[in-house]
Protein backbone atom coordinates (compact mmCIF):
# COMPACT_ATOMS: atom_id res chain seq x y z
CA MET A 1 -0.01 0.01 0.01
CA GLN A 2 1.31 3.43 -0.88
CA ASP A 3 0.21 7.02 -0.53
CA ALA A 4 -1.24 8.12 -3.89
CA ARG A 5 -0.66 11.78 -2.96
CA LYS A 6 3.10 11.15 -3.35
CA LEU A 7 2.63 10.41 -7.05
CA LEU A 8 2.87 13.35 -9.41
CA VAL A 9 0.26 11.79 -11.68
CA TYR A 10 -2.23 11.77 -8.82
CA GLY A 11 -1.99 15.58 -8.53
CA GLU A 12 -2.20 15.88 -12.32
CA ALA A 13 -5.34 13.73 -12.36
CA ARG A 14 -6.90 15.93 -9.68
CA GLU A 15 -6.13 19.06 -11.69
CA LEU A 16 -7.60 17.39 -14.77
CA ALA A 17 -10.84 16.73 -12.89
CA VAL A 18 -11.02 20.36 -11.69
CA ALA A 19 -10.45 21.59 -15.27
CA VAL A 20 -13.20 19.26 -16.59
CA TYR A 21 -15.68 20.42 -13.89
CA GLN A 22 -14.88 24.06 -14.83
CA LEU A 23 -15.30 23.32 -18.58
CA THR A 24 -18.66 21.57 -18.09
CA LEU A 25 -20.13 24.45 -16.10
CA GLY A 26 -21.03 25.98 -19.46
CA PHE A 27 -22.66 22.88 -20.91
CA PRO A 28 -26.43 23.11 -21.61
CA ALA A 29 -28.73 22.48 -18.67
CA ALA A 30 -30.42 19.74 -20.76
CA GLU A 31 -27.12 17.78 -20.63
CA ARG A 32 -26.92 17.89 -16.85
CA PHE A 33 -27.74 14.15 -16.59
CA GLY A 34 -26.31 13.28 -19.97
CA LEU A 35 -22.92 14.14 -21.37
CA THR A 36 -22.05 16.51 -18.52
CA GLN A 37 -22.37 13.69 -16.01
CA GLN A 38 -20.50 11.23 -18.22
CA VAL A 39 -17.59 13.67 -18.76
CA ARG A 40 -17.30 14.44 -15.06
CA ARG A 41 -17.50 10.73 -14.15
CA ALA A 42 -14.70 9.83 -16.55
CA ALA A 43 -12.51 12.70 -15.24
CA VAL A 44 -13.05 11.60 -11.67
CA SER A 45 -12.39 7.97 -12.58
CA VAL A 46 -8.80 8.75 -13.64
CA GLY A 47 -7.72 9.87 -10.18
CA SER A 48 -10.02 7.48 -8.39
CA ASN A 49 -8.38 4.52 -10.05
CA ILE A 50 -4.90 5.77 -9.11
CA ALA A 51 -6.06 6.14 -5.51
CA GLU A 52 -7.69 2.72 -5.40
CA GLY A 53 -4.67 0.99 -6.94
CA CYS A 54 -2.40 2.65 -4.41
CA GLY A 55 -4.65 1.32 -1.66
CA ARG A 56 -4.00 -2.24 -2.77
CA LYS A 57 -1.08 -4.36 -1.63
CA GLY A 58 2.03 -3.75 -3.68
CA SER A 59 2.93 -2.34 -7.05
CA ARG A 60 1.75 -5.45 -8.92
CA ALA A 61 -1.81 -4.71 -7.69
CA LEU A 62 -1.52 -1.06 -8.82
CA VAL A 63 -0.88 -1.91 -12.50
CA PRO A 64 -4.45 -2.91 -13.47
CA PHE A 65 -5.78 0.27 -11.91
CA LEU A 66 -3.33 2.26 -14.01
CA TYR A 67 -4.79 0.53 -17.11
CA TYR A 68 -8.30 1.55 -15.94
CA ALA A 69 -7.16 5.15 -15.44
CA ILE A 70 -5.61 5.15 -18.93
CA GLY A 71 -8.90 3.86 -20.32
CA SER A 72 -10.86 6.56 -18.50
CA ALA A 73 -8.54 9.23 -19.94
CA LYS A 74 -9.19 7.87 -23.47
CA GLU A 75 -12.91 7.89 -22.79
CA LEU A 76 -12.70 11.48 -21.53
CA GLU A 77 -10.74 12.53 -24.60
CA PHE A 78 -13.54 11.28 -26.86
CA GLN A 79 -16.20 12.99 -24.71
CA ILE A 80 -14.41 16.34 -24.83
CA GLU A 81 -14.03 16.08 -28.58
CA LEU A 82 -17.74 15.28 -28.86
CA SER A 83 -18.61 18.22 -26.67
CA VAL A 84 -16.77 20.52 -29.09
CA SER A 85 -18.51 18.96 -32.06
CA LEU A 86 -21.89 19.56 -30.40
CA GLY A 87 -20.98 23.18 -29.67
CA TYR A 88 -21.13 22.71 -25.85
CA CYS A 89 -17.74 24.38 -25.30
CA GLU A 90 -15.22 26.60 -27.03
CA PRO A 91 -12.50 24.71 -28.94
CA THR A 92 -9.74 26.77 -27.21
CA GLU A 93 -11.01 25.81 -23.77
CA ALA A 94 -11.43 22.18 -24.77
CA ASN A 95 -7.96 22.11 -26.25
CA ALA A 96 -6.46 23.10 -22.92
CA VAL A 97 -8.29 20.18 -21.26
CA LEU A 98 -7.30 17.82 -24.11
CA GLU A 99 -3.63 18.77 -23.55
CA ARG A 100 -4.02 18.01 -19.86
CA ILE A 101 -5.58 14.65 -20.69
CA LEU A 102 -2.67 13.78 -22.96
CA ARG A 103 -0.14 14.85 -20.30
CA THR A 104 -1.93 12.82 -17.59
CA ARG A 105 -2.26 9.76 -19.83
CA GLY A 106 1.45 9.96 -20.74
CA MET A 107 2.34 10.08 -17.06
CA LEU A 108 0.17 7.04 -16.38
CA ILE A 109 1.75 5.09 -19.19
CA ARG A 110 5.29 5.93 -18.05
CA LEU A 111 4.45 4.90 -14.42
CA GLU A 112 2.93 1.66 -15.61
CA VAL A 113 5.97 0.83 -17.74
CA ALA A 114 8.35 1.70 -14.92
CA ILE A 115 6.47 -0.54 -12.46
CA ARG A 116 6.35 -3.39 -14.91
CA ARG A 117 10.05 -3.15 -15.65
CA ARG A 118 10.82 -3.06 -11.94
CA LEU A 119 8.65 -6.07 -11.33
CA GLU A 120 10.22 -8.02 -14.23
CA GLY A 121 13.73 -7.05 -12.94
CA SER A 122 12.93 -8.42 -9.46
CA LYS A 123 12.03 -11.80 -10.88
CA SER A 124 15.58 -12.51 -12.08
CA SER A 125 17.81 -12.14 -9.06
CA PRO A 126 21.54 -12.77 -9.35
CA PRO A 127 22.82 -16.17 -8.16
CA THR A 128 23.95 -16.31 -4.56
CA PRO A 129 27.56 -17.35 -3.80
CA HIS A 130 26.36 -20.80 -2.72
CA SER A 131 24.16 -21.58 -5.74
CA PRO A 132 25.41 -22.53 -9.15
CA PRO A 133 24.73 -20.04 -11.98
CA SER A 134 21.89 -20.99 -14.26
CA GLN A 135 22.84 -23.01 -17.30
CA PRO A 136 22.46 -21.35 -20.74
CA ARG A 137 19.71 -22.82 -22.89
């Protein structure tokens, strides 16, 4: 178990959610229970998955939650693009959020790769002085 607040990507995900909430304030009232809710839910899901994964035991348990967070970021990207197409927000405002999504997703991917590499590296430990080296195949 680790403290999610120590991860830079956690703070980035929180800022992404805040930016999405601010962007959706201008969405039509008729979308309050439609696209507005979906966009906000996806934005919150990114950080929530990081937090939940950090609450599990060990880095190996965190990896699937990073995948979920990456998926939520992709979902959010589509929803923001759709919002622009529907005229619910200004393209310049949406582009700022889209850039934040890309940055957050990139951080998530780099974290997942780093954890996977570390886990794979820990599987192959060097031989101890009392054990014979492994035979080449």
